[in-house]
PDB file of N, CA and C in Angstrom:
ATOM      1  N   MET A   1      67.693 106.089 109.888  1.00  0.00           N
ATOM      2  CA  MET A   1      68.818 105.631 108.796  1.00  0.00           C
ATOM      3  C   MET A   1      69.345 104.332 108.972  1.00  0.00           C
ATOM      4  N   ASN A   2      69.321 103.860 107.812  1.00  0.00           N
ATOM      5  CA  ASN A   2      69.621 102.376 107.738  1.00  0.00           C
ATOM      6  C   ASN A   2      71.316 102.101 107.431  1.00  0.00           C
ATOM      7  N   ALA A   3      71.666 101.029 107.445  1.00  0.00           N
ATOM      8  CA  ALA A   3      73.078 100.672 107.657  1.00  0.00           C
ATOM      9  C   ALA A   3      73.517 101.157 106.050  1.00  0.00           C
ATOM     10  N   TYR A   4      72.992 101.128 105.317  1.00  0.00           N
ATOM     11  CA  TYR A   4      73.458 101.356 103.853  1.00  0.00           C
ATOM     12  C   TYR A   4      74.037 102.904 103.653  1.00  0.00           C
ATOM     13  N   ARG A   5      72.873 103.589 104.376  1.00  0.00           N
ATOM     14  CA  ARG A   5      73.263 105.115 104.368  1.00  0.00           C
ATOM     15  C   ARG A   5      74.393 105.341 105.205  1.00  0.00           C
ATOM     16  N   ILE A   6      74.650 104.667 106.294  1.00  0.00           N
ATOM     17  CA  ILE A   6      75.533 104.890 107.416  1.00  0.00           C
ATOM     18  C   ILE A   6      76.922 104.415 106.693  1.00  0.00           C
ATOM     19  N   VAL A   7      77.019 103.313 105.874  1.00  0.00           N
ATOM     20  CA  VAL A   7      78.053 103.161 105.301  1.00  0.00           C
ATOM     21  C   VAL A   7      78.697 104.012 104.093  1.00  0.00           C
ATOM     22  N   ALA A   8      77.599 104.513 103.366  1.00  0.00           N
ATOM     23  CA  ALA A   8      77.643 105.695 102.573  1.00  0.00           C
ATOM     24  C   ALA A   8      78.337 106.980 103.033  1.00  0.00           C
ATOM     25  N   VAL A   9      77.718 107.304 104.300  1.00  0.00           N
ATOM     26  CA  VAL A   9      78.545 108.737 104.837  1.00  0.00           C
ATOM     27  C   VAL A   9      79.783 108.338 105.259  1.00  0.00           C
ATOM     28  N   ALA A  10      79.803 107.177 105.760  1.00  0.00           N
ATOM     29  CA  ALA A  10      81.466 106.865 106.334  1.00  0.00           C
ATOM     30  C   ALA A  10      82.415 106.788 105.356  1.00  0.00           C
ATOM     31  N   LEU A  11      81.929 106.289 104.022  1.00  0.00           N
ATOM     32  CA  LEU A  11      82.867 106.516 102.771  1.00  0.00           C
ATOM     33  C   LEU A  11      83.191 107.830 102.739  1.00  0.00           C
ATOM     34  N   ILE A  12      82.035 108.553 102.435  1.00  0.00           N
ATOM     35  CA  ILE A  12      82.492 109.936 102.194  1.00  0.00           C
ATOM     36  C   ILE A  12      83.356 110.607 102.904  1.00  0.00           C
ATOM     37  N   VAL A  13      83.002 110.503 104.363  1.00  0.00           N
ATOM     38  CA  VAL A  13      83.793 111.161 105.279  1.00  0.00           C
ATOM     39  C   VAL A  13      85.332 110.612 105.198  1.00  0.00           C
ATOM     40  N   ALA A  14      85.480 109.359 105.017  1.00  0.00           N
ATOM     41  CA  ALA A  14      87.067 108.723 105.020  1.00  0.00           C
ATOM     42  C   ALA A  14      87.538 109.046 103.739  1.00  0.00           C
ATOM     43  N   GLY A  15      87.011 109.039 102.797  1.00  0.00           N
ATOM     44  CA  GLY A  15      87.488 109.636 101.441  1.00  0.00           C
ATOM     45  C   GLY A  15      87.840 111.220 101.451  1.00  0.00           C
ATOM     46  N   VAL A  16      87.179 111.775 101.991  1.00  0.00           N
ATOM     47  CA  VAL A  16      87.234 113.291 102.028  1.00  0.00           C
ATOM     48  C   VAL A  16      88.540 113.537 103.213  1.00  0.00           C
ATOM     49  N   LEU A  17      88.732 113.004 104.362  1.00  0.00           N
ATOM     50  CA  LEU A  17      89.698 112.939 105.095  1.00  0.00           C
ATOM     51  C   LEU A  17      90.965 112.461 104.527  1.00  0.00           C
ATOM     52  N   GLY A  18      91.094 111.453 103.748  1.00  0.00           N
ATOM     53  CA  GLY A  18      91.965 110.991 102.806  1.00  0.00           C
ATOM     54  C   GLY A  18      92.495 111.879 101.851  1.00  0.00           C
ATOM     55  N   LEU A  19      91.636 112.701 101.375  1.00  0.00           N
ATOM     56  CA  LEU A  19      92.110 113.904 100.377  1.00  0.00           C
ATOM     57  C   LEU A  19      92.636 114.818 101.048  1.00  0.00           C
ATOM     58  N   ALA A  20      92.037 115.368 102.134  1.00  0.00           N
ATOM     59  CA  ALA A  20      92.616 116.226 102.943  1.00  0.00           C
ATOM     60  C   ALA A  20      94.244 116.186 103.606  1.00  0.00           C
ATOM     61  N   TYR A  21      94.292 115.188 104.294  1.00  0.00           N
ATOM     62  CA  TYR A  21      95.518 114.733 105.006  1.00  0.00           C
ATOM     63  C   TYR A  21      96.531 113.974 104.239  1.00  0.00           C
ATOM     64  N   GLY A  22      96.120 113.133 103.314  1.00  0.00           N
ATOM     65  CA  GLY A  22      97.151 112.652 102.250  1.00  0.00           C
ATOM     66  C   GLY A  22      97.803 111.302 103.225  1.00  0.00           C
ATOM     67  N   GLY A  23      97.498 111.036 104.245  1.00  0.00           N
ATOM     68  CA  GLY A  23      98.079 109.872 104.999  1.00  0.00           C
ATOM     69  C   GLY A  23      98.109 110.230 106.579  1.00  0.00           C
ATOM     70  N   PHE A  24      98.840 109.155 107.202  1.00  0.00           N
ATOM     71  CA  PHE A  24      98.817 109.293 108.701  1.00  0.00           C
ATOM     72  C   PHE A  24      99.928 108.817 109.201  1.00  0.00           C
ATOM     73  N   SER A  25     100.305 109.049 110.543  1.00  0.00           N
ATOM     74  CA  SER A  25     101.839 108.345 110.930  1.00  0.00           C
ATOM     75  C   SER A  25     101.316 107.609 112.296  1.00  0.00           C
ATOM     76  N   TYR A  26     101.923 106.803 112.670  1.00  0.00           N
ATOM     77  CA  TYR A  26     101.666 106.243 114.202  1.00  0.00           C
ATOM     78  C   TYR A  26     103.019 105.742 114.711  1.00  0.00           C
ATOM     79  N   THR A  27     103.317 105.714 115.760  1.00  0.00           N
ATOM     80  CA  THR A  27     104.568 105.323 116.629  1.00  0.00           C
ATOM     81  C   THR A  27     104.418 104.002 117.201  1.00  0.00           C
ATOM     82  N   LYS A  28     105.286 103.046 116.973  1.00  0.00           N
ATOM     83  CA  LYS A  28     105.454 101.560 117.479  1.00  0.00           C
ATOM     84  C   LYS A  28     106.242 101.390 118.190  1.00  0.00           C
ATOM     85  N   GLU A  29     106.283 100.787 119.696  1.00  0.00           N
ATOM     86  CA  GLU A  29     107.130 100.588 120.493  1.00  0.00           C
ATOM     87  C   GLU A  29     107.618  99.166 120.503  1.00  0.00           C
ATOM     88  N   SER A  30     109.174  98.973 120.187  1.00  0.00           N
ATOM     89  CA  SER A  30     109.208  97.656 119.891  1.00  0.00           C
ATOM     90  C   SER A  30     110.501  97.415 121.128  1.00  0.00           C
ATOM     91  N   GLN A  31     110.592  96.118 121.702  1.00  0.00           N
ATOM     92  CA  GLN A  31     111.587  96.001 122.693  1.00  0.00           C
ATOM     93  C   GLN A  31     112.916  95.416 121.802  1.00  0.00           C
ATOM     94  N   ALA A  32     113.904  96.150 122.068  1.00  0.00           N
ATOM     95  CA  ALA A  32     115.163  95.660 121.181  1.00  0.00           C
ATOM     96  C   ALA A  32     116.009  94.753 122.181  1.00  0.00           C
ATOM     97  N   ALA A  33     116.175  94.757 123.526  1.00  0.00           N
ATOM     98  CA  ALA A  33     117.009  94.111 123.877  1.00  0.00           C
ATOM     99  C   ALA A  33     116.492  93.969 125.309  1.00  0.00           C
ATOM    100  N   LYS A  34     116.624  92.706 125.985  1.00  0.00           N
ATOM    101  CA  LYS A  34     116.355  92.664 127.535  1.00  0.00           C
ATOM    102  C   LYS A  34     117.763  92.038 128.235  1.00  0.00           C
ATOM    103  N   LEU A  35     118.373  92.700 129.185  1.00  0.00           N
ATOM    104  CA  LEU A  35     119.491  91.904 129.777  1.00  0.00           C
ATOM    105  C   LEU A  35     119.234  92.270 131.223  1.00  0.00           C
ATOM    106  N   GLY A  36     118.765  90.953 131.814  1.00  0.00           N
ATOM    107  CA  GLY A  36     118.371  90.979 133.216  1.00  0.00           C
ATOM    108  C   GLY A  36     117.137  91.943 133.487  1.00  0.00           C
ATOM    109  N   PRO A  37     117.529  93.065 134.564  1.00  0.00           N
ATOM    110  CA  PRO A  37     116.444  94.016 134.730  1.00  0.00           C
ATOM    111  C   PRO A  37     116.706  95.347 133.647  1.00  0.00           C
ATOM    112  N   ILE A  38     117.550  95.195 132.862  1.00  0.00           N
ATOM    113  CA  ILE A  38     117.552  96.543 131.744  1.00  0.00           C
ATOM    114  C   ILE A  38     117.058  95.814 130.677  1.00  0.00           C
ATOM    115  N   GLU A  39     115.858  96.779 130.204  1.00  0.00           N
ATOM    116  CA  GLU A  39     115.150  96.725 128.968  1.00  0.00           C
ATOM    117  C   GLU A  39     115.625  97.825 128.083  1.00  0.00           C
ATOM    118  N   LEU A  40     115.763  97.718 126.741  1.00  0.00           N
ATOM    119  CA  LEU A  40     116.090  98.599 125.917  1.00  0.00           C
ATOM    120  C   LEU A  40     114.823  98.772 124.938  1.00  0.00           C
ATOM    121  N   THR A  41     114.164  99.708 124.676  1.00  0.00           N
ATOM    122  CA  THR A  41     113.050  99.615 123.886  1.00  0.00           C
ATOM    123  C   THR A  41     113.068 100.927 122.790  1.00  0.00           C
ATOM    124  N   VAL A  42     112.656 100.435 121.548  1.00  0.00           N
ATOM    125  CA  VAL A  42     112.932 101.741 120.480  1.00  0.00           C
ATOM    126  C   VAL A  42     111.281 102.010 120.154  1.00  0.00           C
ATOM    127  N   ASN A  43     111.341 103.218 119.711  1.00  0.00           N
ATOM    128  CA  ASN A  43     110.063 103.678 119.167  1.00  0.00           C
ATOM    129  C   ASN A  43     110.353 104.343 117.800  1.00  0.00           C
ATOM    130  N   GLU A  44     109.601 103.502 117.078  1.00  0.00           N
ATOM    131  CA  GLU A  44     109.746 103.599 115.350  1.00  0.00           C
ATOM    132  C   GLU A  44     108.609 104.315 114.826  1.00  0.00           C
ATOM    133  N   LYS A  45     108.772 105.404 114.384  1.00  0.00           N
ATOM    134  CA  LYS A  45     107.673 106.077 113.705  1.00  0.00           C
ATOM    135  C   LYS A  45     107.644 105.797 112.286  1.00  0.00           C
ATOM    136  N   HIS A  46     106.142 105.231 112.152  1.00  0.00           N
ATOM    137  CA  HIS A  46     105.488 104.484 110.754  1.00  0.00           C
ATOM    138  C   HIS A  46     104.710 105.878 109.940  1.00  0.00           C
ATOM    139  N   THR A  47     104.868 105.936 108.817  1.00  0.00           N
ATOM    140  CA  THR A  47     104.047 106.650 107.997  1.00  0.00           C
ATOM    141  C   THR A  47     103.191 105.877 106.809  1.00  0.00           C
ATOM    142  N   VAL A  48     101.867 106.358 106.807  1.00  0.00           N
ATOM    143  CA  VAL A  48     101.014 105.251 105.984  1.00  0.00           C
ATOM    144  C   VAL A  48     100.351 106.434 105.097  1.00  0.00           C
ATOM    145  N   ASN A  49     100.938 106.666 103.917  1.00  0.00           N
ATOM    146  CA  ASN A  49     100.507 107.518 102.665  1.00  0.00           C
ATOM    147  C   ASN A  49      99.242 106.858 101.893  1.00  0.00           C
ATOM    148  N   ILE A  50      98.039 107.950 101.984  1.00  0.00           N
ATOM    149  CA  ILE A  50      96.763 107.378 101.029  1.00  0.00           C
ATOM    150  C   ILE A  50      96.768 108.053  99.822  1.00  0.00           C
ATOM    151  N   PRO A  51      96.877 107.107  99.006  1.00  0.00           N
ATOM    152  CA  PRO A  51      96.729 107.764  97.437  1.00  0.00           C
ATOM    153  C   PRO A  51      95.442 108.384  97.286  1.00  0.00           C
ATOM    154  N   VAL A  52      95.820 109.346  96.238  1.00  0.00           N
ATOM    155  CA  VAL A  52      94.917 110.409  95.949  1.00  0.00           C
ATOM    156  C   VAL A  52      93.626 109.581  95.517  1.00  0.00           C
ATOM    157  N   TRP A  53      93.710 108.490  94.491  1.00  0.00           N
ATOM    158  CA  TRP A  53      92.727 107.892  93.717  1.00  0.00           C
ATOM    159  C   TRP A  53      91.900 106.998  94.912  1.00  0.00           C
ATOM    160  N   ALA A  54      92.576 106.747  95.754  1.00  0.00           N
ATOM    161  CA  ALA A  54      91.931 105.890  97.103  1.00  0.00           C
ATOM    162  C   ALA A  54      90.685 107.007  97.627  1.00  0.00           C
ATOM    163  N   GLY A  55      91.349 108.090  98.093  1.00  0.00           N
ATOM    164  CA  GLY A  55      90.406 109.045  98.553  1.00  0.00           C
ATOM    165  C   GLY A  55      89.371 109.479  97.706  1.00  0.00           C
ATOM    166  N   ALA A  56      89.593 109.618  96.379  1.00  0.00           N
ATOM    167  CA  ALA A  56      88.469 110.116  95.356  1.00  0.00           C
ATOM    168  C   ALA A  56      87.588 109.029  95.144  1.00  0.00           C
ATOM    169  N   GLY A  57      88.206 107.857  95.253  1.00  0.00           N
ATOM    170  CA  GLY A  57      87.243 106.695  94.729  1.00  0.00           C
ATOM    171  C   GLY A  57      86.303 106.373  95.866  1.00  0.00           C
ATOM    172  N   ALA A  58      87.086 106.436  97.330  1.00  0.00           N
ATOM    173  CA  ALA A  58      85.760 106.187  98.573  1.00  0.00           C
ATOM    174  C   ALA A  58      84.861 107.461  98.422  1.00  0.00           C
ATOM    175  N   THR A  59      85.066 108.770  98.203  1.00  0.00           N
ATOM    176  CA  THR A  59      84.248 109.688  98.185  1.00  0.00           C
ATOM    177  C   THR A  59      83.307 109.361  97.030  1.00  0.00           C
ATOM    178  N   GLY A  60      83.637 109.030  95.841  1.00  0.00           N
ATOM    179  CA  GLY A  60      82.612 108.692  94.898  1.00  0.00           C
ATOM    180  C   GLY A  60      81.788 107.534  95.122  1.00  0.00           C
ATOM    181  N   VAL A  61      82.292 106.474  95.553  1.00  0.00           N
ATOM    182  CA  VAL A  61      81.450 105.336  95.776  1.00  0.00           C
ATOM    183  C   VAL A  61      80.476 105.729  97.151  1.00  0.00           C
ATOM    184  N   GLY A  62      80.860 106.329  97.665  1.00  0.00           N
ATOM    185  CA  GLY A  62      79.784 106.903  99.160  1.00  0.00           C
ATOM    186  C   GLY A  62      78.862 107.754  98.570  1.00  0.00           C
ATOM    187  N   ALA A  63      79.051 108.712  97.684  1.00  0.00           N
ATOM    188  CA  ALA A  63      78.364 109.487  96.994  1.00  0.00           C
ATOM    189  C   ALA A  63      77.336 108.719  95.990  1.00  0.00           C
ATOM    190  N   ALA A  64      77.604 107.809  95.363  1.00  0.00           N
ATOM    191  CA  ALA A  64      76.728 107.223  94.711  1.00  0.00           C
ATOM    192  C   ALA A  64      75.804 106.461  95.404  1.00  0.00           C
ATOM    193  N   MET A  65      76.499 105.647  96.556  1.00  0.00           N
ATOM    194  CA  MET A  65      75.630 104.901  97.272  1.00  0.00           C
ATOM    195  C   MET A  65      74.410 105.707  98.022  1.00  0.00           C
ATOM    196  N   LEU A  66      74.794 106.910  98.334  1.00  0.00           N
ATOM    197  CA  LEU A  66      73.875 107.737  98.909  1.00  0.00           C
ATOM    198  C   LEU A  66      72.860 108.303  97.966  1.00  0.00           C
ATOM    199  N   VAL A  67      73.164 108.361  96.674  1.00  0.00           N
ATOM    200  CA  VAL A  67      72.503 109.002  95.688  1.00  0.00           C
ATOM    201  C   VAL A  67      71.333 107.955  95.480  1.00  0.00           C
ATOM    202  N   LEU A  68      71.846 106.589  95.322  1.00  0.00           N
ATOM    203  CA  LEU A  68      70.992 105.575  94.973  1.00  0.00           C
ATOM    204  C   LEU A  68      69.921 105.271  96.263  1.00  0.00           C
ATOM    205  N   THR A  69      70.298 105.447  97.382  1.00  0.00           N
ATOM    206  CA  THR A  69      69.443 105.175  98.476  1.00  0.00           C
ATOM    207  C   THR A  69      68.287 106.372  98.533  1.00  0.00           C
ATOM    208  N   LEU A  70      68.799 107.558  98.073  1.00  0.00           N
ATOM    209  CA  LEU A  70      67.726 108.547  98.177  1.00  0.00           C
ATOM    210  C   LEU A  70      66.719 108.537  96.808  1.00  0.00           C
ATOM    211  N   MET A  71      67.239 107.881  95.739  1.00  0.00           N
ATOM    212  CA  MET A  71      66.564 107.741  94.511  1.00  0.00           C
ATOM    213  C   MET A  71      65.533 106.690  94.909  1.00  0.00           C
ATOM    214  N   LYS A  72      65.871 105.519  95.402  1.00  0.00           N
ATOM    215  CA  LYS A  72      65.043 104.263  96.003  1.00  0.00           C
ATOM    216  C   LYS A  72      64.158 104.672  96.921  1.00  0.00           C
ATOM    217  N   ARG A  73      64.354 105.468  97.695  1.00  0.00           N
ATOM    218  CA  ARG A  73      63.292 105.873  98.665  1.00  0.00           C
ATOM    219  C   ARG A  73      62.193 106.552  97.754  1.00  0.00           C
ATOM    220  N   GLN A  74      62.087 107.390  96.918  1.00  0.00           N
ATOM    221  CA  GLN A  74      61.072 108.093  96.087  1.00  0.00           C
ATOM    222  C   GLN A  74      60.111 107.132  95.526  1.00  0.00           C
TER     223      GLN A  74
END
């Protein structure tokens, strides 16, 4: 399997996951204050939304790339 097909499959998988979940969240720990031996840290939760057009576009581009590689092989 060449690199072009791997990228195509990765785009399809990423697009389908983006459409299925719609986004993801992560927690970032930041240091708010440090007073001698005492440290105050804050956990911030961030959410990243993936637009529907981005998921559909990645799936479509990946599918087109995969079809083109299969047609070129024949």
